[in-house]
Amino acid sequence: MSFEDDKVALLGHPSYVWRLGQERRLALIDRYAPLQDRRILDVGCGIGTYVDKLRQFSGQVYGIDVDTARISEGAGSLPNLLAAEAERPPFVSGSFDVILLHEVLEHVRDDHQVVAEAYRLLALGGRIVIFAPNRLYPFETHGIYWRGNYRFGNFPFVNYLPGSWRRRLCPHVRVYRAADLKALLRDLQHRVVVHTQIYPGYDNFSARHPSLGSALRTITHSLEGTPLRIFGLSHLLVVEKTAAS
């Protein structure tokens, strides 16, 4: 396995190209954690794709990522990008009003510590926005390890395997049930603003098959208003801090 393959498996690929799926997620973030003139931190920001878009709402947007190469690339055009572990963010308590954990918890060394640190960094009344992979989604989208080699792609029903079997195929990435996310917040005083599941944006598929992609979006996005939302790609969880650290 190449170094780059291993890096992709462990750290994932943050968003590089801004398309409909990302635009939709940004609108959801602003809906449940209003962004205008807020102090915002994007944890696991990659090259700063979301940081760039968040700056249309506020001049106080920061991003951190453990991958120094991605931070260096993003810092060529964006301010306030710092190389740091999500478990050890270099900010004082109460520094931010909105903290974004966008598809990052599944990759970090200690997801409990990352959530606890995000909570510490929030001002009273601030909100954490979490997008995290849903264990009930029929596909594992982060690839698998098979016979010692990493295989990129979407693999059906891996998430439905017993935990020990799934960990053998996916030692590089977590996946969450609703109860798992609840457990991460158990010791933190908070109010749940929203907890739901969302389906993909199908951006890559739609680029190749526009009509089918549009139909797929229409059908599955309509399911988000029904009990079938539990099979969506990602959890969307927004919580508000209700007590000082």
Protein backbone atom coordinates (compact mmCIF):
# COMPACT_ATOMS: atom_id res chain seq x y z
CA MET A 1 0.00 0.00 0.00
CA SER A 2 1.29 3.47 -0.83
CA PHE A 3 1.73 6.23 1.73
CA GLU A 4 -0.94 8.26 -0.04
CA ASP A 5 -3.44 5.38 0.10
CA ASP A 6 -2.80 5.00 3.81
CA LYS A 7 -3.21 8.74 4.36
CA VAL A 8 -6.54 8.78 2.50
CA ALA A 9 -7.78 5.82 4.53
CA LEU A 10 -6.83 7.33 7.88
CA LEU A 11 -7.67 11.00 7.30
CA GLY A 12 -10.32 10.81 4.59
CA HIS A 13 -10.75 13.26 1.78
CA PRO A 14 -12.17 16.62 2.88
CA SER A 15 -14.25 18.58 0.38
CA TYR A 16 -12.14 20.03 -2.41
CA VAL A 17 -14.79 20.97 -4.98
CA TRP A 18 -17.82 23.02 -3.96
CA ARG A 19 -21.00 21.64 -5.48
CA LEU A 20 -24.69 21.21 -4.68
CA GLY A 21 -24.14 18.72 -1.87
CA GLN A 22 -21.81 21.08 0.02
CA GLU A 23 -24.07 24.06 -0.65
CA ARG A 24 -26.98 22.14 0.84
CA ARG A 25 -24.98 21.27 3.94
CA LEU A 26 -23.89 24.87 4.39
CA ALA A 27 -27.54 25.94 4.30
CA LEU A 28 -28.35 23.35 6.97
CA ILE A 29 -25.50 24.61 9.14
CA ASP A 30 -26.76 28.19 8.89
CA ARG A 31 -30.34 27.06 9.56
CA TYR A 32 -29.55 25.34 12.84
CA ALA A 33 -26.51 27.36 13.94
CA PRO A 34 -26.88 30.88 12.50
CA LEU A 35 -23.52 32.01 11.14
CA GLN A 36 -23.83 35.75 10.58
CA ASP A 37 -21.06 37.61 12.43
CA ARG A 38 -20.28 34.58 14.60
CA ARG A 39 -16.87 33.33 15.72
CA ILE A 40 -16.57 30.05 13.82
CA LEU A 41 -14.13 27.13 13.96
CA ASP A 42 -13.98 24.34 11.37
CA VAL A 43 -12.27 21.30 12.93
CA GLY A 44 -10.66 19.05 10.32
CA CYS A 45 -10.84 21.79 7.72
CA GLY A 46 -8.50 20.24 5.12
CA ILE A 47 -7.49 22.91 2.64
CA GLY A 48 -10.19 25.22 3.98
CA THR A 49 -13.03 24.65 1.52
CA TYR A 50 -15.71 25.24 4.15
CA VAL A 51 -13.67 27.98 5.80
CA ASP A 52 -13.73 29.86 2.50
CA LYS A 53 -17.53 29.64 2.25
CA LEU A 54 -18.09 30.41 5.92
CA ARG A 55 -16.20 33.67 5.46
CA GLN A 56 -19.18 35.05 3.51
CA PHE A 57 -20.99 35.13 6.88
CA SER A 58 -18.20 36.27 9.20
CA GLY A 59 -14.70 37.67 9.28
CA GLN A 60 -13.85 35.52 12.29
CA VAL A 61 -13.52 32.05 10.79
CA TYR A 62 -10.72 29.65 11.77
CA GLY A 63 -9.79 26.17 10.66
CA ILE A 64 -7.55 23.46 12.09
CA ASP A 65 -6.36 20.18 10.61
CA VAL A 66 -3.79 17.58 11.59
CA ASP A 67 -2.51 17.34 8.01
CA THR A 68 0.16 20.04 7.67
CA ALA A 69 0.33 19.64 3.88
CA ARG A 70 -3.36 20.47 3.49
CA ILE A 71 -3.07 23.41 5.87
CA SER A 72 -0.08 24.76 3.93
CA GLU A 73 -2.00 24.49 0.66
CA GLY A 74 -5.05 26.26 2.05
CA ALA A 75 -3.05 28.95 3.84
CA GLY A 76 -1.81 30.17 0.48
CA SER A 77 -5.19 31.84 -0.08
CA LEU A 78 -6.95 31.83 3.29
CA PRO A 79 -6.14 33.32 6.71
CA ASN A 80 -6.55 31.64 10.10
CA LEU A 81 -5.70 28.05 9.11
CA LEU A 82 -3.64 26.23 11.74
CA ALA A 83 -2.04 22.81 11.94
CA ALA A 84 -3.32 21.17 15.12
CA GLU A 85 -4.90 17.98 16.41
CA ALA A 86 -8.64 18.07 16.99
CA GLU A 87 -7.93 16.63 20.43
CA ARG A 88 -5.69 19.60 21.31
CA PRO A 89 -7.00 22.77 19.65
CA PRO A 90 -4.81 25.81 20.39
CA PHE A 91 -7.54 28.17 21.64
CA VAL A 92 -8.77 29.35 25.02
CA SER A 93 -12.12 28.28 26.42
CA GLY A 94 -15.17 30.13 25.15
CA SER A 95 -13.47 31.33 21.96
CA PHE A 96 -16.21 30.39 19.46
CA ASP A 97 -19.94 30.62 18.85
CA VAL A 98 -20.15 27.87 16.22
CA ILE A 99 -17.88 24.83 15.86
CA LEU A 100 -18.15 22.58 12.84
CA LEU A 101 -17.19 18.89 13.00
CA HIS A 102 -17.93 17.97 9.42
CA GLU A 103 -17.30 14.26 8.75
CA VAL A 104 -14.28 14.34 11.04
CA LEU A 105 -15.20 12.39 14.20
CA GLU A 106 -14.90 9.09 12.38
CA HIS A 107 -11.22 9.77 11.63
CA VAL A 108 -9.84 11.22 14.87
CA ARG A 109 -7.78 9.36 17.46
CA ASP A 110 -10.22 10.04 20.34
CA ASP A 111 -13.72 11.17 19.40
CA HIS A 112 -14.77 11.67 23.05
CA GLN A 113 -11.91 14.09 23.62
CA VAL A 114 -12.60 15.94 20.37
CA VAL A 115 -16.22 16.58 21.36
CA ALA A 116 -15.19 17.58 24.89
CA GLU A 117 -12.66 20.05 23.50
CA ALA A 118 -15.19 21.50 21.08
CA TYR A 119 -17.57 21.98 24.01
CA ARG A 120 -14.80 23.71 26.00
CA LEU A 121 -14.13 26.11 23.15
CA LEU A 122 -17.79 27.12 22.85
CA ALA A 123 -19.14 30.25 24.47
CA LEU A 124 -22.27 29.77 26.54
CA GLY A 125 -25.15 29.37 24.09
CA GLY A 126 -22.78 28.41 21.27
CA ARG A 127 -23.49 25.44 19.02
CA ILE A 128 -21.57 22.41 17.78
CA VAL A 129 -22.58 21.14 14.35
CA ILE A 130 -21.75 17.47 13.74
CA PHE A 131 -21.99 15.56 10.50
CA ALA A 132 -20.96 11.93 11.01
CA PRO A 133 -21.44 8.68 9.05
CA ASN A 134 -24.60 6.74 9.84
CA ARG A 135 -24.26 3.05 10.63
CA LEU A 136 -27.67 2.36 9.09
CA TYR A 137 -26.61 3.68 5.67
CA PRO A 138 -26.39 0.64 3.35
CA PHE A 139 -22.90 1.50 2.02
CA GLU A 140 -19.53 1.99 3.66
CA THR A 141 -18.20 5.01 1.77
CA HIS A 142 -14.67 5.15 3.22
CA GLY A 143 -13.35 2.03 1.54
CA ILE A 144 -12.18 -1.16 3.23
CA TYR A 145 -9.02 -3.12 3.95
CA TRP A 146 -8.97 -6.50 2.24
CA ARG A 147 -6.05 -8.90 2.62
CA GLY A 148 -3.83 -6.12 3.83
CA ASN A 149 -4.64 -3.69 1.01
CA TYR A 150 -6.80 -0.59 1.15
CA ARG A 151 -9.59 -0.57 -1.44
CA PHE A 152 -11.27 2.75 -2.11
CA GLY A 153 -14.97 2.79 -2.96
CA ASN A 154 -18.50 2.23 -1.69
CA PHE A 155 -19.08 -1.25 -0.27
CA PRO A 156 -22.62 -2.48 0.46
CA PHE A 157 -23.79 -3.80 3.83
CA VAL A 158 -20.39 -3.53 5.58
CA ASN A 159 -22.03 -1.28 8.18
CA TYR A 160 -24.55 -4.00 8.99
CA LEU A 161 -21.90 -6.52 10.01
CA PRO A 162 -21.22 -7.27 13.69
CA GLY A 163 -18.86 -4.71 15.19
CA SER A 164 -15.83 -7.01 15.38
CA TRP A 165 -16.21 -8.00 11.70
CA ARG A 166 -16.68 -4.44 10.58
CA ARG A 167 -13.58 -3.30 12.47
CA ARG A 168 -11.50 -5.89 10.63
CA LEU A 169 -12.60 -4.42 7.30
CA CYS A 170 -12.63 -0.79 8.45
CA PRO A 171 -10.03 -0.30 11.19
CA HIS A 172 -9.44 3.19 9.82
CA VAL A 173 -12.87 4.72 10.30
CA ARG A 174 -15.76 4.79 12.75
CA VAL A 175 -19.46 4.76 12.00
CA TYR A 176 -22.20 5.92 14.36
CA ARG A 177 -25.61 4.95 15.61
CA ALA A 178 -27.74 7.69 17.16
CA ALA A 179 -26.95 6.26 20.60
CA ASP A 180 -23.21 6.46 19.90
CA LEU A 181 -23.38 10.20 19.28
CA LYS A 182 -25.56 10.66 22.34
CA ALA A 183 -22.90 8.89 24.41
CA LEU A 184 -20.22 11.36 23.26
CA LEU A 185 -22.24 14.18 24.86
CA ARG A 186 -23.41 12.36 27.97
CA ASP A 187 -21.25 14.30 30.44
CA LEU A 188 -21.69 17.70 28.79
CA GLN A 189 -24.60 19.98 29.65
CA HIS A 190 -26.32 20.69 26.35
CA ARG A 191 -29.57 21.06 24.49
CA VAL A 192 -30.19 19.15 21.28
CA VAL A 193 -31.23 21.63 18.60
CA VAL A 194 -31.70 18.96 15.93
CA HIS A 195 -30.73 15.35 15.36
CA THR A 196 -31.67 13.84 12.04
CA GLN A 197 -30.15 11.98 9.10
CA ILE A 198 -29.54 13.27 5.59
CA TYR A 199 -29.04 11.55 2.26
CA PRO A 200 -26.12 12.23 -0.13
CA GLY A 201 -25.90 15.07 -2.62
CA TYR A 202 -24.97 12.59 -5.40
CA ASP A 203 -22.68 15.19 -6.95
CA ASN A 204 -20.33 12.74 -8.68
CA PHE A 205 -23.17 10.58 -9.98
CA SER A 206 -25.12 13.63 -11.17
CA ALA A 207 -22.11 14.94 -13.05
CA ARG A 208 -22.17 11.77 -15.16
CA HIS A 209 -25.94 11.23 -15.28
CA PRO A 210 -27.72 14.56 -14.71
CA SER A 211 -31.31 13.35 -15.13
CA LEU A 212 -30.89 10.24 -13.00
CA GLY A 213 -28.96 12.18 -10.39
CA SER A 214 -31.72 14.77 -10.16
CA ALA A 215 -34.35 12.06 -9.76
CA LEU A 216 -32.29 10.32 -7.09
CA ARG A 217 -31.92 13.57 -5.15
CA THR A 218 -35.64 14.27 -5.36
CA ILE A 219 -36.63 10.82 -4.17
CA THR A 220 -34.15 10.32 -1.35
CA HIS A 221 -34.22 13.89 -0.07
CA SER A 222 -37.99 13.57 0.26
CA LEU A 223 -37.36 10.59 2.55
CA GLU A 224 -35.67 12.91 5.03
CA GLY A 225 -39.15 14.00 6.12
CA THR A 226 -40.20 10.41 6.84
CA PRO A 227 -39.09 7.63 9.22
CA LEU A 228 -36.89 6.32 6.37
CA ARG A 229 -34.47 9.15 7.07
CA ILE A 230 -32.77 6.74 9.51
CA PHE A 231 -31.08 5.11 6.49
CA GLY A 232 -29.47 8.38 5.37
CA LEU A 233 -25.79 8.79 4.66
CA SER A 234 -24.92 11.03 7.62
CA HIS A 235 -26.18 12.12 10.99
CA LEU A 236 -26.76 15.83 11.41
CA LEU A 237 -26.55 16.69 15.09
CA VAL A 238 -26.55 20.25 16.42
CA VAL A 239 -26.23 20.87 20.15
CA GLU A 240 -26.19 24.06 22.17
CA LYS A 241 -23.97 24.61 25.21
CA THR A 242 -26.12 25.31 28.26
CA ALA A 243 -23.49 25.65 31.00
CA ALA A 244 -20.14 27.38 31.31
CA SER A 245 -17.06 25.13 31.12
